[in-house]
PDB file of N, CA and C in Angstrom:
ATOM      1  N   MET A   1      30.935  58.498 108.810  1.00  0.00           N
ATOM      2  CA  MET A   1      30.757  57.437 108.204  1.00  0.00           C
ATOM      3  C   MET A   1      30.079  56.583 109.222  1.00  0.00           C
ATOM      4  N   VAL A   2      28.746  55.907 108.907  1.00  0.00           N
ATOM      5  CA  VAL A   2      28.453  55.669 110.208  1.00  0.00           C
ATOM      6  C   VAL A   2      28.045  54.166 109.328  1.00  0.00           C
ATOM      7  N   LEU A   3      28.339  52.776 109.831  1.00  0.00           N
ATOM      8  CA  LEU A   3      28.116  51.590 109.523  1.00  0.00           C
ATOM      9  C   LEU A   3      26.833  50.745 110.503  1.00  0.00           C
ATOM     10  N   GLU A   4      26.779  50.128 109.463  1.00  0.00           N
ATOM     11  CA  GLU A   4      25.508  49.638 110.874  1.00  0.00           C
ATOM     12  C   GLU A   4      26.099  48.178 111.154  1.00  0.00           C
ATOM     13  N   ILE A   5      26.020  47.289 112.100  1.00  0.00           N
ATOM     14  CA  ILE A   5      26.208  46.245 112.460  1.00  0.00           C
ATOM     15  C   ILE A   5      24.817  45.465 112.703  1.00  0.00           C
ATOM     16  N   THR A   6      25.012  44.148 111.966  1.00  0.00           N
ATOM     17  CA  THR A   6      24.312  42.770 111.208  1.00  0.00           C
ATOM     18  C   THR A   6      23.821  42.381 112.823  1.00  0.00           C
ATOM     19  N   SER A   7      22.778  41.192 112.932  1.00  0.00           N
ATOM     20  CA  SER A   7      22.428  40.792 113.400  1.00  0.00           C
ATOM     21  C   SER A   7      23.415  39.680 114.131  1.00  0.00           C
ATOM     22  N   GLU A   8      24.736  38.799 113.726  1.00  0.00           N
ATOM     23  CA  GLU A   8      26.222  37.979 113.790  1.00  0.00           C
ATOM     24  C   GLU A   8      27.079  39.445 114.387  1.00  0.00           C
ATOM     25  N   ARG A   9      26.610  40.828 114.373  1.00  0.00           N
ATOM     26  CA  ARG A   9      27.797  41.999 114.972  1.00  0.00           C
ATOM     27  C   ARG A   9      29.008  41.412 113.843  1.00  0.00           C
ATOM     28  N   GLN A  10      28.273  41.405 112.892  1.00  0.00           N
ATOM     29  CA  GLN A  10      29.751  42.109 111.051  1.00  0.00           C
ATOM     30  C   GLN A  10      29.111  43.087 110.937  1.00  0.00           C
ATOM     31  N   VAL A  11      30.027  43.482 110.130  1.00  0.00           N
ATOM     32  CA  VAL A  11      30.301  44.863 110.213  1.00  0.00           C
ATOM     33  C   VAL A  11      31.404  44.612 108.612  1.00  0.00           C
ATOM     34  N   THR A  12      30.325  44.872 107.453  1.00  0.00           N
ATOM     35  CA  THR A  12      30.634  45.903 106.057  1.00  0.00           C
ATOM     36  C   THR A  12      31.276  47.040 106.099  1.00  0.00           C
ATOM     37  N   LEU A  13      33.076  46.629 105.607  1.00  0.00           N
ATOM     38  CA  LEU A  13      33.592  48.483 104.828  1.00  0.00           C
ATOM     39  C   LEU A  13      33.038  48.373 103.537  1.00  0.00           C
ATOM     40  N   PRO A  14      33.286  50.021 103.446  1.00  0.00           N
ATOM     41  CA  PRO A  14      32.942  50.343 102.189  1.00  0.00           C
ATOM     42  C   PRO A  14      33.890  49.922 101.271  1.00  0.00           C
ATOM     43  N   VAL A  15      34.169  49.831 100.247  1.00  0.00           N
ATOM     44  CA  VAL A  15      35.207  50.182  98.922  1.00  0.00           C
ATOM     45  C   VAL A  15      36.260  51.058  99.191  1.00  0.00           C
ATOM     46  N   GLN A  16      35.822  52.231  99.381  1.00  0.00           N
ATOM     47  CA  GLN A  16      36.585  53.773  99.394  1.00  0.00           C
ATOM     48  C   GLN A  16      37.418  53.459 100.431  1.00  0.00           C
ATOM     49  N   VAL A  17      37.009  53.258 101.780  1.00  0.00           N
ATOM     50  CA  VAL A  17      37.672  52.512 103.173  1.00  0.00           C
ATOM     51  C   VAL A  17      38.987  51.422 102.773  1.00  0.00           C
ATOM     52  N   LEU A  18      39.071  50.678 101.928  1.00  0.00           N
ATOM     53  CA  LEU A  18      39.200  48.935 101.575  1.00  0.00           C
ATOM     54  C   LEU A  18      40.129  49.702 100.812  1.00  0.00           C
ATOM     55  N   ASP A  19      40.753  50.379  99.517  1.00  0.00           N
ATOM     56  CA  ASP A  19      41.317  50.361  98.863  1.00  0.00           C
ATOM     57  C   ASP A  19      42.220  52.168  98.977  1.00  0.00           C
ATOM     58  N   ALA A  20      41.640  52.244 100.139  1.00  0.00           N
ATOM     59  CA  ALA A  20      42.124  53.972 100.374  1.00  0.00           C
ATOM     60  C   ALA A  20      43.732  53.092 102.300  1.00  0.00           C
ATOM     61  N   MET A  21      42.722  52.014 102.465  1.00  0.00           N
ATOM     62  CA  MET A  21      43.699  51.276 103.400  1.00  0.00           C
ATOM     63  C   MET A  21      44.641  50.007 102.732  1.00  0.00           C
ATOM     64  N   GLY A  22      44.610  50.285 101.366  1.00  0.00           N
ATOM     65  CA  GLY A  22      45.459  49.515 100.442  1.00  0.00           C
ATOM     66  C   GLY A  22      45.220  47.664 100.688  1.00  0.00           C
ATOM     67  N   VAL A  23      44.283  47.444 100.757  1.00  0.00           N
ATOM     68  CA  VAL A  23      44.084  46.214 101.034  1.00  0.00           C
ATOM     69  C   VAL A  23      42.968  45.642 100.063  1.00  0.00           C
ATOM     70  N   LYS A  24      43.545  43.839 100.375  1.00  0.00           N
ATOM     71  CA  LYS A  24      42.326  43.395  99.059  1.00  0.00           C
ATOM     72  C   LYS A  24      41.660  41.394  99.768  1.00  0.00           C
ATOM     73  N   PRO A  25      41.310  41.090  99.217  1.00  0.00           N
ATOM     74  CA  PRO A  25      40.385  39.720  99.678  1.00  0.00           C
ATOM     75  C   PRO A  25      42.447  39.194 100.218  1.00  0.00           C
ATOM     76  N   GLY A  26      41.597  38.208 101.153  1.00  0.00           N
ATOM     77  CA  GLY A  26      42.464  37.678 101.789  1.00  0.00           C
ATOM     78  C   GLY A  26      43.427  37.814 102.567  1.00  0.00           C
ATOM     79  N   ASP A  27      43.856  39.211 102.802  1.00  0.00           N
ATOM     80  CA  ASP A  27      44.971  40.570 104.268  1.00  0.00           C
ATOM     81  C   ASP A  27      43.916  40.653 105.248  1.00  0.00           C
ATOM     82  N   ARG A  28      44.824  41.479 106.156  1.00  0.00           N
ATOM     83  CA  ARG A  28      43.883  41.119 107.597  1.00  0.00           C
ATOM     84  C   ARG A  28      44.470  42.802 107.540  1.00  0.00           C
ATOM     85  N   ILE A  29      43.491  42.957 108.921  1.00  0.00           N
ATOM     86  CA  ILE A  29      43.329  43.817 109.480  1.00  0.00           C
ATOM     87  C   ILE A  29      43.635  43.975 111.313  1.00  0.00           C
ATOM     88  N   GLU A  30      44.312  45.510 111.737  1.00  0.00           N
ATOM     89  CA  GLU A  30      44.500  45.075 113.234  1.00  0.00           C
ATOM     90  C   GLU A  30      43.781  46.245 113.536  1.00  0.00           C
ATOM     91  N   ILE A  31      42.796  45.594 114.292  1.00  0.00           N
ATOM     92  CA  ILE A  31      42.406  47.057 115.432  1.00  0.00           C
ATOM     93  C   ILE A  31      43.306  47.303 116.550  1.00  0.00           C
ATOM     94  N   ILE A  32      43.436  48.360 116.585  1.00  0.00           N
ATOM     95  CA  ILE A  32      44.709  48.818 117.479  1.00  0.00           C
ATOM     96  C   ILE A  32      43.640  49.784 118.338  1.00  0.00           C
ATOM     97  N   GLU A  33      42.792  49.597 120.209  1.00  0.00           N
ATOM     98  CA  GLU A  33      42.255  50.889 120.952  1.00  0.00           C
ATOM     99  C   GLU A  33      43.539  51.694 121.838  1.00  0.00           C
ATOM    100  N   GLY A  34      42.698  53.022 121.926  1.00  0.00           N
ATOM    101  CA  GLY A  34      44.111  53.745 121.281  1.00  0.00           C
ATOM    102  C   GLY A  34      42.345  54.621 122.471  1.00  0.00           C
ATOM    103  N   PRO A  35      43.622  55.296 122.613  1.00  0.00           N
ATOM    104  CA  PRO A  35      43.154  56.679 124.667  1.00  0.00           C
ATOM    105  C   PRO A  35      41.453  57.331 123.447  1.00  0.00           C
ATOM    106  N   ALA A  36      41.442  57.179 122.669  1.00  0.00           N
ATOM    107  CA  ALA A  36      40.437  58.308 121.039  1.00  0.00           C
ATOM    108  C   ALA A  36      39.389  57.240 120.696  1.00  0.00           C
ATOM    109  N   GLY A  37      39.965  55.830 120.842  1.00  0.00           N
ATOM    110  CA  GLY A  37      39.253  54.678 120.177  1.00  0.00           C
ATOM    111  C   GLY A  37      40.111  53.941 119.297  1.00  0.00           C
ATOM    112  N   PHE A  38      38.943  53.072 118.804  1.00  0.00           N
ATOM    113  CA  PHE A  38      39.311  52.021 117.746  1.00  0.00           C
ATOM    114  C   PHE A  38      40.532  52.358 116.768  1.00  0.00           C
ATOM    115  N   ILE A  39      41.491  51.717 116.017  1.00  0.00           N
ATOM    116  CA  ILE A  39      42.373  52.541 114.989  1.00  0.00           C
ATOM    117  C   ILE A  39      42.523  50.904 113.910  1.00  0.00           C
ATOM    118  N   LEU A  40      42.756  51.026 113.211  1.00  0.00           N
ATOM    119  CA  LEU A  40      42.061  50.012 111.548  1.00  0.00           C
ATOM    120  C   LEU A  40      43.539  50.328 111.087  1.00  0.00           C
ATOM    121  N   LYS A  41      44.235  49.283 111.019  1.00  0.00           N
ATOM    122  CA  LYS A  41      45.639  49.597 110.525  1.00  0.00           C
ATOM    123  C   LYS A  41      45.947  48.156 109.431  1.00  0.00           C
ATOM    124  N   PRO A  42      46.296  48.401 108.775  1.00  0.00           N
ATOM    125  CA  PRO A  42      46.394  46.796 107.569  1.00  0.00           C
ATOM    126  C   PRO A  42      47.646  46.493 108.066  1.00  0.00           C
ATOM    127  N   ARG A  43      47.364  44.636 107.770  1.00  0.00           N
ATOM    128  CA  ARG A  43      48.667  43.830 109.145  1.00  0.00           C
ATOM    129  C   ARG A  43      49.724  43.002 107.671  1.00  0.00           C
ATOM    130  N   ARG A  44      50.304  43.668 107.309  1.00  0.00           N
ATOM    131  CA  ARG A  44      51.172  43.354 106.382  1.00  0.00           C
ATOM    132  C   ARG A  44      52.361  42.321 106.576  1.00  0.00           C
ATOM    133  N   ILE A  45      52.604  41.680 105.820  1.00  0.00           N
ATOM    134  CA  ILE A  45      53.787  40.392 105.660  1.00  0.00           C
ATOM    135  C   ILE A  45      55.514  41.217 106.334  1.00  0.00           C
ATOM    136  N   ASP A  46      56.295  41.082 107.080  1.00  0.00           N
ATOM    137  CA  ASP A  46      56.607  41.205 107.164  1.00  0.00           C
ATOM    138  C   ASP A  46      58.691  40.469 106.371  1.00  0.00           C
ATOM    139  N   TYR A  47      58.590  41.002 105.661  1.00  0.00           N
ATOM    140  CA  TYR A  47      59.709  40.522 104.428  1.00  0.00           C
ATOM    141  C   TYR A  47      60.538  40.429 104.914  1.00  0.00           C
ATOM    142  N   SER A  48      61.462  41.257 105.634  1.00  0.00           N
ATOM    143  CA  SER A  48      62.183  41.376 107.004  1.00  0.00           C
ATOM    144  C   SER A  48      63.162  39.744 107.510  1.00  0.00           C
ATOM    145  N   SER A  49      61.281  39.722 108.218  1.00  0.00           N
ATOM    146  CA  SER A  49      61.336  38.860 109.085  1.00  0.00           C
ATOM    147  C   SER A  49      61.613  37.253 108.880  1.00  0.00           C
ATOM    148  N   LEU A  50      61.141  36.969 107.087  1.00  0.00           N
ATOM    149  CA  LEU A  50      62.176  35.931 106.628  1.00  0.00           C
ATOM    150  C   LEU A  50      62.771  35.664 105.465  1.00  0.00           C
ATOM    151  N   GLY A  51      64.009  36.107 106.303  1.00  0.00           N
ATOM    152  CA  GLY A  51      65.044  36.022 105.562  1.00  0.00           C
ATOM    153  C   GLY A  51      66.150  34.555 106.310  1.00  0.00           C
ATOM    154  N   THR A  52      64.853  34.110 106.929  1.00  0.00           N
ATOM    155  CA  THR A  52      66.341  32.975 107.383  1.00  0.00           C
ATOM    156  C   THR A  52      65.929  31.564 106.825  1.00  0.00           C
ATOM    157  N   LEU A  53      64.942  32.185 106.252  1.00  0.00           N
ATOM    158  CA  LEU A  53      63.920  30.596 104.470  1.00  0.00           C
ATOM    159  C   LEU A  53      64.661  30.609 103.371  1.00  0.00           C
ATOM    160  N   LYS A  54      65.927  31.735 103.695  1.00  0.00           N
ATOM    161  CA  LYS A  54      66.616  31.830 102.044  1.00  0.00           C
ATOM    162  C   LYS A  54      67.410  30.568 101.875  1.00  0.00           C
ATOM    163  N   ASP A  55      68.194  30.180 102.544  1.00  0.00           N
ATOM    164  CA  ASP A  55      69.130  28.557 102.941  1.00  0.00           C
ATOM    165  C   ASP A  55      68.109  27.856 102.711  1.00  0.00           C
ATOM    166  N   LYS A  56      66.982  27.709 102.561  1.00  0.00           N
ATOM    167  CA  LYS A  56      65.386  26.531 102.296  1.00  0.00           C
ATOM    168  C   LYS A  56      65.456  26.482 101.153  1.00  0.00           C
ATOM    169  N   ILE A  57      65.398  27.417  99.991  1.00  0.00           N
ATOM    170  CA  ILE A  57      65.249  27.851  99.007  1.00  0.00           C
ATOM    171  C   ILE A  57      65.463  27.050  97.971  1.00  0.00           C
ATOM    172  N   PRO A  58      66.114  26.619  97.052  1.00  0.00           N
ATOM    173  CA  PRO A  58      66.400  25.359  95.878  1.00  0.00           C
ATOM    174  C   PRO A  58      67.702  26.894  95.326  1.00  0.00           C
ATOM    175  N   PRO A  59      67.999  26.480  94.793  1.00  0.00           N
ATOM    176  CA  PRO A  59      68.850  27.910  94.113  1.00  0.00           C
ATOM    177  C   PRO A  59      67.763  27.580  92.796  1.00  0.00           C
ATOM    178  N   GLY A  60      67.847  28.687  91.894  1.00  0.00           N
ATOM    179  CA  GLY A  60      67.370  28.305  90.244  1.00  0.00           C
ATOM    180  C   GLY A  60      65.795  28.632  90.860  1.00  0.00           C
ATOM    181  N   HIS A  61      64.886  27.828  92.001  1.00  0.00           N
ATOM    182  CA  HIS A  61      63.440  28.466  91.849  1.00  0.00           C
ATOM    183  C   HIS A  61      63.407  29.627  91.846  1.00  0.00           C
ATOM    184  N   PRO A  62      61.686  29.664  91.285  1.00  0.00           N
ATOM    185  CA  PRO A  62      61.542  31.282  91.251  1.00  0.00           C
ATOM    186  C   PRO A  62      61.203  32.063  92.612  1.00  0.00           C
ATOM    187  N   PRO A  63      60.900  33.609  92.401  1.00  0.00           N
ATOM    188  CA  PRO A  63      60.688  33.897  92.777  1.00  0.00           C
ATOM    189  C   PRO A  63      58.744  33.583  93.518  1.00  0.00           C
ATOM    190  N   PHE A  64      58.508  34.047  94.835  1.00  0.00           N
ATOM    191  CA  PHE A  64      57.254  34.050  94.869  1.00  0.00           C
ATOM    192  C   PHE A  64      56.349  35.441  94.137  1.00  0.00           C
ATOM    193  N   ASP A  65      55.220  34.479  93.599  1.00  0.00           N
ATOM    194  CA  ASP A  65      54.107  36.065  92.994  1.00  0.00           C
ATOM    195  C   ASP A  65      53.109  35.637  94.044  1.00  0.00           C
ATOM    196  N   ILE A  66      53.075  37.169  94.472  1.00  0.00           N
ATOM    197  CA  ILE A  66      51.804  37.434  95.178  1.00  0.00           C
ATOM    198  C   ILE A  66      51.038  37.261  94.839  1.00  0.00           C
ATOM    199  N   GLU A  67      50.752  38.383  93.872  1.00  0.00           N
ATOM    200  CA  GLU A  67      49.721  38.698  92.796  1.00  0.00           C
ATOM    201  C   GLU A  67      49.064  37.615  92.261  1.00  0.00           C
ATOM    202  N   SER A  68      49.669  36.595  91.410  1.00  0.00           N
ATOM    203  CA  SER A  68      49.121  35.547  90.865  1.00  0.00           C
ATOM    204  C   SER A  68      48.370  34.690  91.841  1.00  0.00           C
ATOM    205  N   PHE A  69      49.176  34.510  93.323  1.00  0.00           N
ATOM    206  CA  PHE A  69      48.707  33.649  94.394  1.00  0.00           C
ATOM    207  C   PHE A  69      47.109  34.598  94.847  1.00  0.00           C
ATOM    208  N   ARG A  70      47.147  35.531  94.656  1.00  0.00           N
ATOM    209  CA  ARG A  70      45.931  36.257  95.190  1.00  0.00           C
ATOM    210  C   ARG A  70      44.115  36.014  93.925  1.00  0.00           C
ATOM    211  N   GLU A  71      45.168  35.675  93.263  1.00  0.00           N
ATOM    212  CA  GLU A  71      44.384  35.391  92.056  1.00  0.00           C
ATOM    213  C   GLU A  71      43.692  34.254  92.518  1.00  0.00           C
ATOM    214  N   GLN A  72      44.589  33.529  92.651  1.00  0.00           N
ATOM    215  CA  GLN A  72      43.892  32.394  92.300  1.00  0.00           C
ATOM    216  C   GLN A  72      42.400  31.041  93.482  1.00  0.00           C
ATOM    217  N   PRO A  73      41.439  30.762  93.226  1.00  0.00           N
ATOM    218  CA  PRO A  73      40.429  30.671  93.739  1.00  0.00           C
ATOM    219  C   PRO A  73      40.491  30.338  95.104  1.00  0.00           C
ATOM    220  N   TYR A  74      39.334  30.828  96.017  1.00  0.00           N
ATOM    221  CA  TYR A  74      39.566  30.238  97.731  1.00  0.00           C
ATOM    222  C   TYR A  74      39.363  28.924  97.381  1.00  0.00           C
ATOM    223  N   ASP A  75      40.092  28.075  98.327  1.00  0.00           N
ATOM    224  CA  ASP A  75      39.503  27.148  98.927  1.00  0.00           C
ATOM    225  C   ASP A  75      39.325  27.133 100.476  1.00  0.00           C
ATOM    226  N   PRO A  76      38.063  27.064 100.691  1.00  0.00           N
ATOM    227  CA  PRO A  76      38.042  27.175 101.887  1.00  0.00           C
ATOM    228  C   PRO A  76      37.975  26.873 102.798  1.00  0.00           C
ATOM    229  N   SER A  77      39.017  25.055 102.793  1.00  0.00           N
ATOM    230  CA  SER A  77      39.322  23.571 103.321  1.00  0.00           C
ATOM    231  C   SER A  77      41.270  24.045 103.577  1.00  0.00           C
ATOM    232  N   LEU A  78      41.191  25.617 103.315  1.00  0.00           N
ATOM    233  CA  LEU A  78      42.325  26.234 103.492  1.00  0.00           C
ATOM    234  C   LEU A  78      42.340  27.427 104.787  1.00  0.00           C
ATOM    235  N   ARG A  79      41.324  28.220 105.358  1.00  0.00           N
ATOM    236  CA  ARG A  79      41.027  28.281 106.509  1.00  0.00           C
ATOM    237  C   ARG A  79      42.216  28.647 107.806  1.00  0.00           C
ATOM    238  N   ASP A  80      42.294  29.703 108.525  1.00  0.00           N
ATOM    239  CA  ASP A  80      43.161  29.527 109.473  1.00  0.00           C
ATOM    240  C   ASP A  80      42.709  28.234 110.770  1.00  0.00           C
TER     241      ASP A  80
END
């Protein structure tokens, strides 16, 4: 597969590649350099590292639904 690089040095990955990687809008992709070239890898949240926050959640609070969060409209003012 050959991809074109724009004048802004950007690349658009085909939807079949993103689907195969299991990434969705808002997800991140990590690029790892190796001896044979570069590897693209989905960067997922390590939910086990969130265990320290359990005491901060009030009892009876509903669990966070990441799918409904992803479907909310994008607000550009919330960029990293």
